[in-house]
C-alpha atoms as a PDB file:
ATOM      1  CA  MET A   1     -17.575   5.098  -2.679  1.00  0.00           C
ATOM      2  CA  ARG A   2     -16.209   2.971  -4.810  1.00  0.00           C
ATOM      3  CA  ILE A   3     -13.381   4.115  -6.993  1.00  0.00           C
ATOM      4  CA  GLY A   4     -14.340   1.892 -10.374  1.00  0.00           C
ATOM      5  CA  TYR A   5     -10.976   3.487 -12.400  1.00  0.00           C
ATOM      6  CA  PHE A   6      -9.182   1.795  -9.267  1.00  0.00           C
ATOM      7  CA  LEU A   7      -9.730  -1.583 -11.365  1.00  0.00           C
ATOM      8  CA  SER A   8      -8.619  -0.540 -14.733  1.00  0.00           C
ATOM      9  CA  VAL A   9      -5.081   1.010 -13.411  1.00  0.00           C
ATOM     10  CA  PHE A  10      -4.813  -2.161 -11.364  1.00  0.00           C
ATOM     11  CA  THR A  11      -4.969  -4.511 -13.923  1.00  0.00           C
ATOM     12  CA  ARG A  12      -2.698  -2.841 -16.382  1.00  0.00           C
ATOM     13  CA  ALA A  13       0.212  -2.528 -13.005  1.00  0.00           C
ATOM     14  CA  ALA A  14       0.191  -5.433 -11.503  1.00  0.00           C
ATOM     15  CA  SER A  15       3.008  -6.377 -13.636  1.00  0.00           C
ATOM     16  CA  HIS A  16       5.311  -6.852 -10.624  1.00  0.00           C
ATOM     17  CA  PRO A  17       5.302 -10.945  -9.938  1.00  0.00           C
ATOM     18  CA  ILE A  18       5.127 -11.794  -6.426  1.00  0.00           C
ATOM     19  CA  GLN A  19       8.725 -12.347  -4.953  1.00  0.00           C
ATOM     20  CA  ASP A  20       9.876 -14.792  -3.123  1.00  0.00           C
ATOM     21  CA  SER A  21      12.032 -12.904  -0.290  1.00  0.00           C
ATOM     22  CA  MET A  22      10.803  -9.709   0.554  1.00  0.00           C
ATOM     23  CA  ASP A  23      11.302  -6.766  -1.442  1.00  0.00           C
ATOM     24  CA  ILE A  24      10.989  -3.488  -0.013  1.00  0.00           C
ATOM     25  CA  ARG A  25      10.576  -0.261  -2.170  1.00  0.00           C
ATOM     26  CA  SER A  26      10.884   2.978  -0.499  1.00  0.00           C
ATOM     27  CA  ILE A  27       8.138   5.631  -1.892  1.00  0.00           C
ATOM     28  CA  THR A  28       8.908   8.176   0.846  1.00  0.00           C
ATOM     29  CA  PRO A  29      11.465   8.111   3.765  1.00  0.00           C
ATOM     30  CA  ASP A  30       8.746   7.366   5.670  1.00  0.00           C
ATOM     31  CA  PHE A  31       6.470   4.663   3.584  1.00  0.00           C
ATOM     32  CA  ALA A  32       7.825   1.661   1.842  1.00  0.00           C
ATOM     33  CA  VAL A  33       5.577  -1.275   0.104  1.00  0.00           C
ATOM     34  CA  SER A  34       6.169  -4.810  -1.030  1.00  0.00           C
ATOM     35  CA  PRO A  35       5.025  -8.063  -1.472  1.00  0.00           C
ATOM     36  CA  GLN A  36       3.978  -9.838   0.789  1.00  0.00           C
ATOM     37  CA  ILE A  37       5.632 -10.520   4.143  1.00  0.00           C
ATOM     38  CA  ARG A  38       6.306 -13.558   6.459  1.00  0.00           C
ATOM     39  CA  VAL A  39       6.876 -13.521   9.837  1.00  0.00           C
ATOM     40  CA  ASP A  40      10.421 -13.848   9.177  1.00  0.00           C
ATOM     41  CA  ASP A  41      11.024 -11.107   7.700  1.00  0.00           C
ATOM     42  CA  ILE A  42       9.529  -9.156  10.829  1.00  0.00           C
ATOM     43  CA  GLU A  43      12.632  -8.639  11.923  1.00  0.00           C
ATOM     44  CA  THR A  44      14.212  -7.120   9.543  1.00  0.00           C
ATOM     45  CA  LEU A  45      11.328  -4.192   8.969  1.00  0.00           C
ATOM     46  CA  LYS A  46      12.018  -3.323  13.082  1.00  0.00           C
ATOM     47  CA  ALA A  47      15.629  -3.605  12.451  1.00  0.00           C
ATOM     48  CA  GLU A  48      15.247  -0.747   9.511  1.00  0.00           C
ATOM     49  CA  GLY A  49      13.017   1.297  11.638  1.00  0.00           C
ATOM     50  CA  PHE A  50       9.641   0.495  10.630  1.00  0.00           C
ATOM     51  CA  THR A  51       6.960   1.134  13.143  1.00  0.00           C
ATOM     52  CA  HIS A  52       3.490   0.046  11.712  1.00  0.00           C
ATOM     53  CA  VAL A  53       3.140  -2.485   8.972  1.00  0.00           C
ATOM     54  CA  ILE A  54      -0.573  -2.395   6.752  1.00  0.00           C
ATOM     55  CA  CYS A  55      -1.952  -5.457   5.406  1.00  0.00           C
ATOM     56  CA  ASN A  56      -3.802  -4.405   2.190  1.00  0.00           C
ATOM     57  CA  ARG A  57      -4.689  -8.275   1.114  1.00  0.00           C
ATOM     58  CA  PRO A  58      -7.873  -9.648   1.389  1.00  0.00           C
ATOM     59  CA  VAL A  59      -7.738 -13.134   3.883  1.00  0.00           C
ATOM     60  CA  HIS A  60      -8.980 -15.093   0.846  1.00  0.00           C
ATOM     61  CA  GLU A  61      -5.713 -14.349  -1.052  1.00  0.00           C
ATOM     62  CA  ASN A  62      -3.038 -15.520   2.022  1.00  0.00           C
ATOM     63  CA  ILE A  63      -1.430 -18.828   2.094  1.00  0.00           C
ATOM     64  CA  PRO A  64      -1.287 -20.407   5.226  1.00  0.00           C
ATOM     65  CA  GLY A  65       1.287 -19.259   7.676  1.00  0.00           C
ATOM     66  CA  GLU A  66       0.731 -15.697   5.855  1.00  0.00           C
ATOM     67  CA  GLU A  67      -2.836 -14.986   7.057  1.00  0.00           C
ATOM     68  CA  PRO A  68      -3.300 -11.258   8.059  1.00  0.00           C
ATOM     69  CA  GLU A  69      -3.824 -12.485  11.922  1.00  0.00           C
ATOM     70  CA  THR A  70      -0.432 -14.729  11.886  1.00  0.00           C
ATOM     71  CA  LEU A  71       1.402 -11.790  10.794  1.00  0.00           C
ATOM     72  CA  ARG A  72      -0.517  -9.297  13.302  1.00  0.00           C
ATOM     73  CA  GLN A  73       0.631 -11.184  16.232  1.00  0.00           C
ATOM     74  CA  ALA A  74       4.154 -11.437  15.254  1.00  0.00           C
ATOM     75  CA  VAL A  75       4.198  -8.003  14.163  1.00  0.00           C
ATOM     76  CA  GLU A  76       2.150  -6.353  17.929  1.00  0.00           C
ATOM     77  CA  ALA A  77       5.060  -9.492  19.187  1.00  0.00           C
ATOM     78  CA  ALA A  78       8.022  -7.128  18.047  1.00  0.00           C
ATOM     79  CA  GLY A  79       6.752  -3.936  19.321  1.00  0.00           C
ATOM     80  CA  LEU A  80       5.108  -2.505  15.635  1.00  0.00           C
ATOM     81  CA  SER A  81       1.663  -1.755  15.319  1.00  0.00           C
ATOM     82  CA  PHE A  82      -0.280  -3.409  12.298  1.00  0.00           C
ATOM     83  CA  ALA A  83      -3.388  -2.664  10.210  1.00  0.00           C
ATOM     84  CA  GLU A  84      -5.508  -4.549   8.243  1.00  0.00           C
ATOM     85  CA  ASN A  85      -7.008  -3.022   5.596  1.00  0.00           C
ATOM     86  CA  PRO A  86      -7.974  -4.959   2.881  1.00  0.00           C
ATOM     87  CA  VAL A  87      -8.038  -4.031  -0.927  1.00  0.00           C
ATOM     88  CA  THR A  88     -10.248  -6.087  -3.494  1.00  0.00           C
ATOM     89  CA  ALA A  89      -9.873  -5.229  -7.225  1.00  0.00           C
ATOM     90  CA  GLY A  90     -12.430  -3.468  -8.213  1.00  0.00           C
ATOM     91  CA  GLN A  91     -13.666  -2.646  -4.705  1.00  0.00           C
ATOM     92  CA  LEU A  92     -11.555   0.295  -3.911  1.00  0.00           C
ATOM     93  CA  THR A  93     -13.501   2.306  -1.526  1.00  0.00           C
ATOM     94  CA  LEU A  94     -12.548   5.540   0.211  1.00  0.00           C
ATOM     95  CA  GLU A  95     -11.962   3.985   3.225  1.00  0.00           C
ATOM     96  CA  ASN A  96      -9.578   2.422   2.056  1.00  0.00           C
ATOM     97  CA  ILE A  97      -7.486   5.557   0.445  1.00  0.00           C
ATOM     98  CA  GLU A  98      -8.080   7.402   4.063  1.00  0.00           C
ATOM     99  CA  ALA A  99      -6.636   3.921   6.213  1.00  0.00           C
ATOM    100  CA  GLN A 100      -3.812   3.862   4.647  1.00  0.00           C
ATOM    101  CA  SER A 101      -2.423   7.254   5.741  1.00  0.00           C
ATOM    102  CA  THR A 102      -0.787   6.517   8.895  1.00  0.00           C
ATOM    103  CA  SER A 103       1.668   8.379  11.005  1.00  0.00           C
ATOM    104  CA  GLY A 104       6.066   6.633  11.567  1.00  0.00           C
ATOM    105  CA  LYS A 105       7.315   4.349   9.488  1.00  0.00           C
ATOM    106  CA  THR A 106       4.742   2.296   7.299  1.00  0.00           C
ATOM    107  CA  LEU A 107       5.012  -0.714   5.795  1.00  0.00           C
ATOM    108  CA  ALA A 108       2.088  -1.538   2.913  1.00  0.00           C
ATOM    109  CA  TYR A 109       2.319  -5.068   1.841  1.00  0.00           C
ATOM    110  CA  CYS A 110       0.490  -6.902  -0.998  1.00  0.00           C
ATOM    111  CA  ALA A 111       0.571  -9.406  -3.159  1.00  0.00           C
ATOM    112  CA  SER A 112       3.575  -7.727  -5.458  1.00  0.00           C
ATOM    113  CA  GLY A 113       3.347  -3.847  -3.990  1.00  0.00           C
ATOM    114  CA  THR A 114       1.687  -2.331  -6.922  1.00  0.00           C
ATOM    115  CA  ARG A 115      -1.889  -2.381  -4.800  1.00  0.00           C
ATOM    116  CA  SER A 116      -0.496  -0.837  -1.887  1.00  0.00           C
ATOM    117  CA  ALA A 117       1.495   2.074  -4.365  1.00  0.00           C
ATOM    118  CA  ILE A 118      -1.824   2.990  -5.597  1.00  0.00           C
ATOM    119  CA  VAL A 119      -3.801   3.493  -2.571  1.00  0.00           C
ATOM    120  CA  TRP A 120      -0.843   5.845  -0.847  1.00  0.00           C
ATOM    121  CA  ALA A 121      -0.651   7.441  -3.956  1.00  0.00           C
ATOM    122  CA  LEU A 122      -4.436   8.212  -4.148  1.00  0.00           C
ATOM    123  CA  ALA A 123      -4.212   8.897   0.118  1.00  0.00           C
ATOM    124  CA  GLN A 124      -1.346  11.457  -1.309  1.00  0.00           C
ATOM    125  CA  ALA A 125      -4.502  13.568  -3.494  1.00  0.00           C
ATOM    126  CA  GLY A 126      -4.281  16.951  -2.196  1.00  0.00           C
ATOM    127  CA  LYS A 127      -1.641  16.992   0.256  1.00  0.00           C
ATOM    128  CA  MET A 128       0.657  16.427  -3.027  1.00  0.00           C
ATOM    129  CA  PRO A 129       1.379  17.365  -6.068  1.00  0.00           C
ATOM    130  CA  THR A 130       0.160  15.166  -8.115  1.00  0.00           C
ATOM    131  CA  PRO A 131       2.761  15.149 -10.339  1.00  0.00           C
ATOM    132  CA  ASP A 132       5.307  14.401  -7.840  1.00  0.00           C
ATOM    133  CA  ILE A 133       2.832  11.546  -6.335  1.00  0.00           C
ATOM    134  CA  LEU A 134       3.234   9.877  -9.620  1.00  0.00           C
ATOM    135  CA  THR A 135       7.278  10.553  -9.624  1.00  0.00           C
ATOM    136  CA  ALA A 136       7.500   8.900  -6.232  1.00  0.00           C
ATOM    137  CA  ILE A 137       5.650   5.636  -7.217  1.00  0.00           C
ATOM    138  CA  ALA A 138       7.424   5.978 -10.583  1.00  0.00           C
ATOM    139  CA  GLN A 139      11.007   5.816  -8.756  1.00  0.00           C
ATOM    140  CA  ALA A 140      10.054   3.405  -6.479  1.00  0.00           C
ATOM    141  CA  GLY A 141       8.818   0.904  -9.121  1.00  0.00           C
ATOM    142  CA  PHE A 142       5.157   1.404 -10.648  1.00  0.00           C
ATOM    143  CA  PRO A 143       5.006   3.823 -13.250  1.00  0.00           C
ATOM    144  CA  MET A 144       1.318   4.552 -13.355  1.00  0.00           C
ATOM    145  CA  ASP A 145       0.999   8.031 -15.252  1.00  0.00           C
ATOM    146  CA  GLN A 146      -2.430   6.872 -15.433  1.00  0.00           C
ATOM    147  CA  LEU A 147      -3.711   7.471 -12.114  1.00  0.00           C
ATOM    148  CA  GLY A 148      -3.064  11.467 -12.892  1.00  0.00           C
ATOM    149  CA  PRO A 149      -6.613  11.879 -13.572  1.00  0.00           C
ATOM    150  CA  GLN A 150      -8.194  10.259 -10.162  1.00  0.00           C
ATOM    151  CA  ILE A 151      -5.869  11.553  -8.466  1.00  0.00           C
ATOM    152  CA  ASP A 152      -6.828  15.207  -9.406  1.00  0.00           C
ATOM    153  CA  ALA A 153     -10.412  14.192  -8.478  1.00  0.00           C
ATOM    154  CA  LEU A 154      -9.853  13.443  -5.221  1.00  0.00           C
ATOM    155  CA  ALA A 155      -7.580  16.230  -4.735  1.00  0.00           C
ATOM    156  CA  SER A 156     -11.018  18.490  -5.856  1.00  0.00           C
ATOM    157  CA  ARG A 157     -13.081  16.485  -3.691  1.00  0.00           C
ATOM    158  CA  ALA A 158     -10.733  17.245  -0.829  1.00  0.00           C
ATOM    159  CA  ALA A 159     -10.651  20.930  -1.394  1.00  0.00           C
ATOM    160  CA  GLN A 160     -14.710  20.751  -1.586  1.00  0.00           C
ATOM    161  CA  SER A 161     -14.814  19.291   1.728  1.00  0.00           C
END
């Protein structure tokens, strides 16, 4: 199932420029987002207590040396776990949302951090009150009140399951 609303939200929300250095934005104590990470960022992530890394970028968006497989090898060599969950504007699926749920301290990255914040917010539907979800992402630098109706719809869907 595609979440069509995502395209318009993503288009309005993608206001964060791509960073030259790691810009970790904590949403909760156990979940943070970031623009693209690099192999030389992995030791910093480990030192900060991260145990899991999620790549929300499709392979075709990456430049040489930053492909998911290159980062997977570095992350796993450092003793952390790695998951690919590629999210493309207009093609966000329920599977993408479900794959964003992890245990342990997690960093999810994409081009700017925005997609990762959106997917996290949608994954919290039904687990947290919608206003708390929106406050958490806004405090991390991603104010997106327009996600509220989509979070509510996903929460209702989860309650019916």
